[in-house]
Amino acid sequence: GPDGDMGAPDCRVGFTLMAPDTFYP
């Protein structure tokens, strides 16, 4: 995507990483 090291049209693709016992509000 626009902020990634790889580009492709009209997209963003990435990863979400969360620690144990965590609430993503």
PDB file of all heavy atoms in Angstrom:
ATOM      1  N   GLY A   1       0.823  -1.203   0.000  1.00  0.00           N
ATOM      2  CA  GLY A   1       0.000   0.000   0.000  1.00  0.00           C
ATOM      3  C   GLY A   1       0.852   1.245   0.000  1.00  0.00           C
ATOM      4  O   GLY A   1       2.089   1.169  -0.072  1.00  0.00           O
ATOM      5  N   PRO A   2       0.226   2.414   0.124  1.00  0.00           N
ATOM      6  CA  PRO A   2       0.961   3.682   0.062  1.00  0.00           C
ATOM      7  C   PRO A   2       2.065   3.810   1.106  1.00  0.00           C
ATOM      8  O   PRO A   2       3.073   4.464   0.867  1.00  0.00           O
ATOM      9  CB  PRO A   2      -0.134   4.734   0.285  1.00  0.00           C
ATOM     10  CG  PRO A   2      -1.400   4.062  -0.091  1.00  0.00           C
ATOM     11  CD  PRO A   2      -1.223   2.610   0.228  1.00  0.00           C
ATOM     12  N   ASP A   3       1.883   3.178   2.277  1.00  0.00           N
ATOM     13  CA  ASP A   3       2.867   3.281   3.347  1.00  0.00           C
ATOM     14  C   ASP A   3       3.690   2.017   3.530  1.00  0.00           C
ATOM     15  O   ASP A   3       4.474   1.905   4.471  1.00  0.00           O
ATOM     16  CB  ASP A   3       2.173   3.644   4.670  1.00  0.00           C
ATOM     17  CG  ASP A   3       1.439   4.972   4.582  1.00  0.00           C
ATOM     18  OD1 ASP A   3       1.985   5.906   3.965  1.00  0.00           O
ATOM     19  OD2 ASP A   3       0.318   5.070   5.119  1.00  0.00           O
ATOM     20  N   GLY A   4       3.505   1.041   2.658  1.00  0.00           N
ATOM     21  CA  GLY A   4       4.251  -0.215   2.747  1.00  0.00           C
ATOM     22  C   GLY A   4       5.405  -0.233   1.764  1.00  0.00           C
ATOM     23  O   GLY A   4       5.492   0.592   0.853  1.00  0.00           O
ATOM     24  N   ASP A   5       6.307  -1.188   1.931  1.00  0.00           N
ATOM     25  CA  ASP A   5       7.443  -1.323   1.022  1.00  0.00           C
ATOM     26  C   ASP A   5       7.056  -1.974  -0.296  1.00  0.00           C
ATOM     27  O   ASP A   5       7.847  -2.000  -1.239  1.00  0.00           O
ATOM     28  CB  ASP A   5       8.556  -2.137   1.680  1.00  0.00           C
ATOM     29  CG  ASP A   5       9.271  -1.348   2.762  1.00  0.00           C
ATOM     30  OD1 ASP A   5       9.560  -0.167   2.534  1.00  0.00           O
ATOM     31  OD2 ASP A   5       9.517  -1.910   3.841  1.00  0.00           O
ATOM     32  N   MET A   6       5.852  -2.523  -0.354  1.00  0.00           N
ATOM     33  CA  MET A   6       5.331  -3.114  -1.581  1.00  0.00           C
ATOM     34  C   MET A   6       4.093  -2.323  -1.988  1.00  0.00           C
ATOM     35  O   MET A   6       3.340  -1.840  -1.138  1.00  0.00           O
ATOM     36  CB  MET A   6       4.959  -4.583  -1.373  1.00  0.00           C
ATOM     37  CG  MET A   6       6.089  -5.445  -0.807  1.00  0.00           C
ATOM     38  SD  MET A   6       7.491  -5.657  -1.935  1.00  0.00           S
ATOM     39  CE  MET A   6       6.818  -6.871  -3.066  1.00  0.00           C
ATOM     40  N   GLY A   7       3.871  -2.186  -3.290  1.00  0.00           N
ATOM     41  CA  GLY A   7       2.730  -1.426  -3.772  1.00  0.00           C
ATOM     42  C   GLY A   7       1.865  -2.237  -4.713  1.00  0.00           C
ATOM     43  O   GLY A   7       2.349  -3.125  -5.411  1.00  0.00           O
ATOM     44  N   ALA A   8       0.571  -1.954  -4.706  1.00  0.00           N
ATOM     45  CA  ALA A   8      -0.399  -2.529  -5.632  1.00  0.00           C
ATOM     46  C   ALA A   8      -1.559  -1.544  -5.716  1.00  0.00           C
ATOM     47  O   ALA A   8      -1.779  -0.766  -4.777  1.00  0.00           O
ATOM     48  CB  ALA A   8      -0.872  -3.911  -5.174  1.00  0.00           C
ATOM     49  N   PRO A   9      -2.309  -1.549  -6.810  1.00  0.00           N
ATOM     50  CA  PRO A   9      -3.365  -0.547  -6.980  1.00  0.00           C
ATOM     51  C   PRO A   9      -4.503  -0.669  -5.968  1.00  0.00           C
ATOM     52  O   PRO A   9      -4.957  -1.780  -5.669  1.00  0.00           O
ATOM     53  CB  PRO A   9      -3.892  -0.822  -8.394  1.00  0.00           C
ATOM     54  CG  PRO A   9      -2.846  -1.637  -9.069  1.00  0.00           C
ATOM     55  CD  PRO A   9      -2.166  -2.413  -7.990  1.00  0.00           C
ATOM     56  N   ASP A  10      -4.935   0.471  -5.447  1.00  0.00           N
ATOM     57  CA  ASP A  10      -6.182   0.578  -4.679  1.00  0.00           C
ATOM     58  C   ASP A  10      -6.281  -0.380  -3.499  1.00  0.00           C
ATOM     59  O   ASP A  10      -7.316  -1.021  -3.290  1.00  0.00           O
ATOM     60  CB  ASP A  10      -7.395   0.368  -5.592  1.00  0.00           C
ATOM     61  CG  ASP A  10      -7.395   1.340  -6.760  1.00  0.00           C
ATOM     62  OD1 ASP A  10      -7.084   2.521  -6.542  1.00  0.00           O
ATOM     63  OD2 ASP A  10      -7.689   0.912  -7.893  1.00  0.00           O
ATOM     64  N   CYS A  11      -5.216  -0.503  -2.725  1.00  0.00           N
ATOM     65  CA  CYS A  11      -5.294  -1.426  -1.591  1.00  0.00           C
ATOM     66  C   CYS A  11      -4.332  -1.014  -0.481  1.00  0.00           C
ATOM     67  O   CYS A  11      -3.391  -0.248  -0.686  1.00  0.00           O
ATOM     68  CB  CYS A  11      -4.964  -2.847  -2.026  1.00  0.00           C
ATOM     69  SG  CYS A  11      -3.198  -3.105  -2.282  1.00  0.00           S
ATOM     70  N   ARG A  12      -4.617  -1.514   0.675  1.00  0.00           N
ATOM     71  CA  ARG A  12      -3.678  -1.585   1.791  1.00  0.00           C
ATOM     72  C   ARG A  12      -3.803  -3.007   2.340  1.00  0.00           C
ATOM     73  O   ARG A  12      -4.906  -3.495   2.554  1.00  0.00           O
ATOM     74  CB  ARG A  12      -4.005  -0.581   2.889  1.00  0.00           C
ATOM     75  CG  ARG A  12      -3.732   0.878   2.538  1.00  0.00           C
ATOM     76  CD  ARG A  12      -3.973   1.778   3.759  1.00  0.00           C
ATOM     77  NE  ARG A  12      -3.926   3.184   3.415  1.00  0.00           N
ATOM     78  CZ  ARG A  12      -2.834   3.948   3.489  1.00  0.00           C
ATOM     79  NH1 ARG A  12      -1.688   3.412   3.892  1.00  0.00           N
ATOM     80  NH2 ARG A  12      -2.881   5.220   3.164  1.00  0.00           N
ATOM     81  N   VAL A  13      -2.670  -3.654   2.560  1.00  0.00           N
ATOM     82  CA  VAL A  13      -2.641  -4.987   3.159  1.00  0.00           C
ATOM     83  C   VAL A  13      -1.545  -4.976   4.210  1.00  0.00           C
ATOM     84  O   VAL A  13      -0.436  -4.494   3.950  1.00  0.00           O
ATOM     85  CB  VAL A  13      -2.355  -6.096   2.113  1.00  0.00           C
ATOM     86  CG1 VAL A  13      -2.288  -7.459   2.786  1.00  0.00           C
ATOM     87  CG2 VAL A  13      -3.401  -6.094   1.013  1.00  0.00           C
ATOM     88  N   GLY A  14      -1.847  -5.491   5.376  1.00  0.00           N
ATOM     89  CA  GLY A  14      -0.836  -5.497   6.433  1.00  0.00           C
ATOM     90  C   GLY A  14      -1.178  -6.486   7.529  1.00  0.00           C
ATOM     91  O   GLY A  14      -1.989  -7.396   7.345  1.00  0.00           O
ATOM     92  N   PHE A  15      -0.549  -6.274   8.677  1.00  0.00           N
ATOM     93  CA  PHE A  15      -0.698  -7.180   9.812  1.00  0.00           C
ATOM     94  C   PHE A  15      -1.116  -6.410  11.054  1.00  0.00           C
ATOM     95  O   PHE A  15      -0.720  -5.257  11.252  1.00  0.00           O
ATOM     96  CB  PHE A  15       0.628  -7.888  10.109  1.00  0.00           C
ATOM     97  CG  PHE A  15       1.114  -8.777   9.007  1.00  0.00           C
ATOM     98  CD1 PHE A  15       2.016  -8.305   8.064  1.00  0.00           C
ATOM     99  CD2 PHE A  15       0.655 -10.082   8.894  1.00  0.00           C
ATOM    100  CE1 PHE A  15       2.465  -9.116   7.035  1.00  0.00           C
ATOM    101  CE2 PHE A  15       1.101 -10.902   7.862  1.00  0.00           C
ATOM    102  CZ  PHE A  15       2.009 -10.417   6.932  1.00  0.00           C
ATOM    103  N   THR A  16      -1.909  -7.080  11.886  1.00  0.00           N
ATOM    104  CA  THR A  16      -2.207  -6.606  13.234  1.00  0.00           C
ATOM    105  C   THR A  16      -1.621  -7.614  14.209  1.00  0.00           C
ATOM    106  O   THR A  16      -1.780  -8.825  14.029  1.00  0.00           O
ATOM    107  CB  THR A  16      -3.723  -6.471  13.468  1.00  0.00           C
ATOM    108  OG1 THR A  16      -4.234  -5.436  12.623  1.00  0.00           O
ATOM    109  CG2 THR A  16      -4.038  -6.121  14.920  1.00  0.00           C
ATOM    110  N   LEU A  17      -0.960  -7.108  15.226  1.00  0.00           N
ATOM    111  CA  LEU A  17      -0.313  -7.935  16.251  1.00  0.00           C
ATOM    112  C   LEU A  17      -0.802  -7.457  17.614  1.00  0.00           C
ATOM    113  O   LEU A  17      -0.795  -6.253  17.889  1.00  0.00           O
ATOM    114  CB  LEU A  17       1.208  -7.764  16.140  1.00  0.00           C
ATOM    115  CG  LEU A  17       2.114  -8.522  17.091  1.00  0.00           C
ATOM    116  CD1 LEU A  17       1.965 -10.033  16.901  1.00  0.00           C
ATOM    117  CD2 LEU A  17       3.574  -8.098  16.862  1.00  0.00           C
ATOM    118  N   MET A  18      -1.274  -8.391  18.438  1.00  0.00           N
ATOM    119  CA  MET A  18      -1.760  -8.037  19.771  1.00  0.00           C
ATOM    120  C   MET A  18      -1.147  -8.948  20.825  1.00  0.00           C
ATOM    121  O   MET A  18      -1.016 -10.152  20.606  1.00  0.00           O
ATOM    122  CB  MET A  18      -3.290  -8.145  19.842  1.00  0.00           C
ATOM    123  CG  MET A  18      -4.030  -7.093  19.042  1.00  0.00           C
ATOM    124  SD  MET A  18      -5.834  -7.317  19.080  1.00  0.00           S
ATOM    125  CE  MET A  18      -6.181  -7.220  20.849  1.00  0.00           C
ATOM    126  N   ALA A  19      -0.799  -8.363  21.954  1.00  0.00           N
ATOM    127  CA  ALA A  19      -0.275  -9.128  23.081  1.00  0.00           C
ATOM    128  C   ALA A  19      -1.403  -9.912  23.751  1.00  0.00           C
ATOM    129  O   ALA A  19      -2.584  -9.580  23.589  1.00  0.00           O
ATOM    130  CB  ALA A  19       0.373  -8.180  24.087  1.00  0.00           C
ATOM    131  N   PRO A  20      -1.062 -10.937  24.539  1.00  0.00           N
ATOM    132  CA  PRO A  20      -2.096 -11.634  25.307  1.00  0.00           C
ATOM    133  C   PRO A  20      -2.791 -10.674  26.279  1.00  0.00           C
ATOM    134  O   PRO A  20      -2.227  -9.656  26.681  1.00  0.00           O
ATOM    135  CB  PRO A  20      -1.305 -12.707  26.067  1.00  0.00           C
ATOM    136  CG  PRO A  20      -0.048 -12.893  25.288  1.00  0.00           C
ATOM    137  CD  PRO A  20       0.269 -11.543  24.713  1.00  0.00           C
ATOM    138  N   ASP A  21      -4.011 -11.040  26.649  1.00  0.00           N
ATOM    139  CA  ASP A  21      -4.793 -10.285  27.643  1.00  0.00           C
ATOM    140  C   ASP A  21      -4.879  -8.803  27.303  1.00  0.00           C
ATOM    141  O   ASP A  21      -4.635  -7.937  28.145  1.00  0.00           O
ATOM    142  CB  ASP A  21      -4.204 -10.481  29.045  1.00  0.00           C
ATOM    143  CG  ASP A  21      -4.199 -11.942  29.460  1.00  0.00           C
ATOM    144  OD1 ASP A  21      -5.257 -12.590  29.344  1.00  0.00           O
ATOM    145  OD2 ASP A  21      -3.138 -12.445  29.863  1.00  0.00           O
ATOM    146  N   THR A  22      -5.224  -8.524  26.059  1.00  0.00           N
ATOM    147  CA  THR A  22      -5.298  -7.142  25.571  1.00  0.00           C
ATOM    148  C   THR A  22      -6.650  -6.889  24.932  1.00  0.00           C
ATOM    149  O   THR A  22      -7.164  -7.743  24.194  1.00  0.00           O
ATOM    150  CB  THR A  22      -4.182  -6.873  24.548  1.00  0.00           C
ATOM    151  OG1 THR A  22      -2.913  -7.054  25.182  1.00  0.00           O
ATOM    152  CG2 THR A  22      -4.261  -5.469  23.986  1.00  0.00           C
ATOM    153  N   PHE A  23      -7.210  -5.729  25.185  1.00  0.00           N
ATOM    154  CA  PHE A  23      -8.471  -5.322  24.559  1.00  0.00           C
ATOM    155  C   PHE A  23      -8.193  -4.192  23.590  1.00  0.00           C
ATOM    156  O   PHE A  23      -7.661  -3.150  23.963  1.00  0.00           O
ATOM    157  CB  PHE A  23      -9.477  -4.859  25.629  1.00  0.00           C
ATOM    158  CG  PHE A  23     -10.785  -4.399  25.054  1.00  0.00           C
ATOM    159  CD1 PHE A  23     -11.563  -5.251  24.295  1.00  0.00           C
ATOM    160  CD2 PHE A  23     -11.237  -3.108  25.283  1.00  0.00           C
ATOM    161  CE1 PHE A  23     -12.777  -4.833  23.759  1.00  0.00           C
ATOM    162  CE2 PHE A  23     -12.452  -2.680  24.760  1.00  0.00           C
ATOM    163  CZ  PHE A  23     -13.223  -3.545  23.999  1.00  0.00           C
ATOM    164  N   TYR A  24      -8.523  -4.419  22.331  1.00  0.00           N
ATOM    165  CA  TYR A  24      -8.431  -3.405  21.278  1.00  0.00           C
ATOM    166  C   TYR A  24      -9.809  -2.758  21.226  1.00  0.00           C
ATOM    167  O   TYR A  24     -10.760  -3.357  20.737  1.00  0.00           O
ATOM    168  CB  TYR A  24      -8.051  -4.080  19.969  1.00  0.00           C
ATOM    169  CG  TYR A  24      -7.839  -3.210  18.752  1.00  0.00           C
ATOM    170  CD1 TYR A  24      -7.436  -3.785  17.554  1.00  0.00           C
ATOM    171  CD2 TYR A  24      -8.039  -1.835  18.762  1.00  0.00           C
ATOM    172  CE1 TYR A  24      -7.229  -3.026  16.408  1.00  0.00           C
ATOM    173  CE2 TYR A  24      -7.831  -1.061  17.625  1.00  0.00           C
ATOM    174  CZ  TYR A  24      -7.436  -1.668  16.453  1.00  0.00           C
ATOM    175  OH  TYR A  24      -7.250  -0.908  15.321  1.00  0.00           O
ATOM    176  N   PRO A  25      -9.939  -1.539  21.754  1.00  0.00           N
ATOM    177  CA  PRO A  25     -11.268  -0.969  21.955  1.00  0.00           C
ATOM    178  C   PRO A  25     -12.063  -0.781  20.666  1.00  0.00           C
ATOM    179  O   PRO A  25     -11.518  -0.813  19.556  1.00  0.00           O
ATOM    180  CB  PRO A  25     -10.969   0.391  22.604  1.00  0.00           C
ATOM    181  CG  PRO A  25      -9.605   0.266  23.170  1.00  0.00           C
ATOM    182  CD  PRO A  25      -8.874  -0.666  22.249  1.00  0.00           C
TER     183      PRO A  25
END
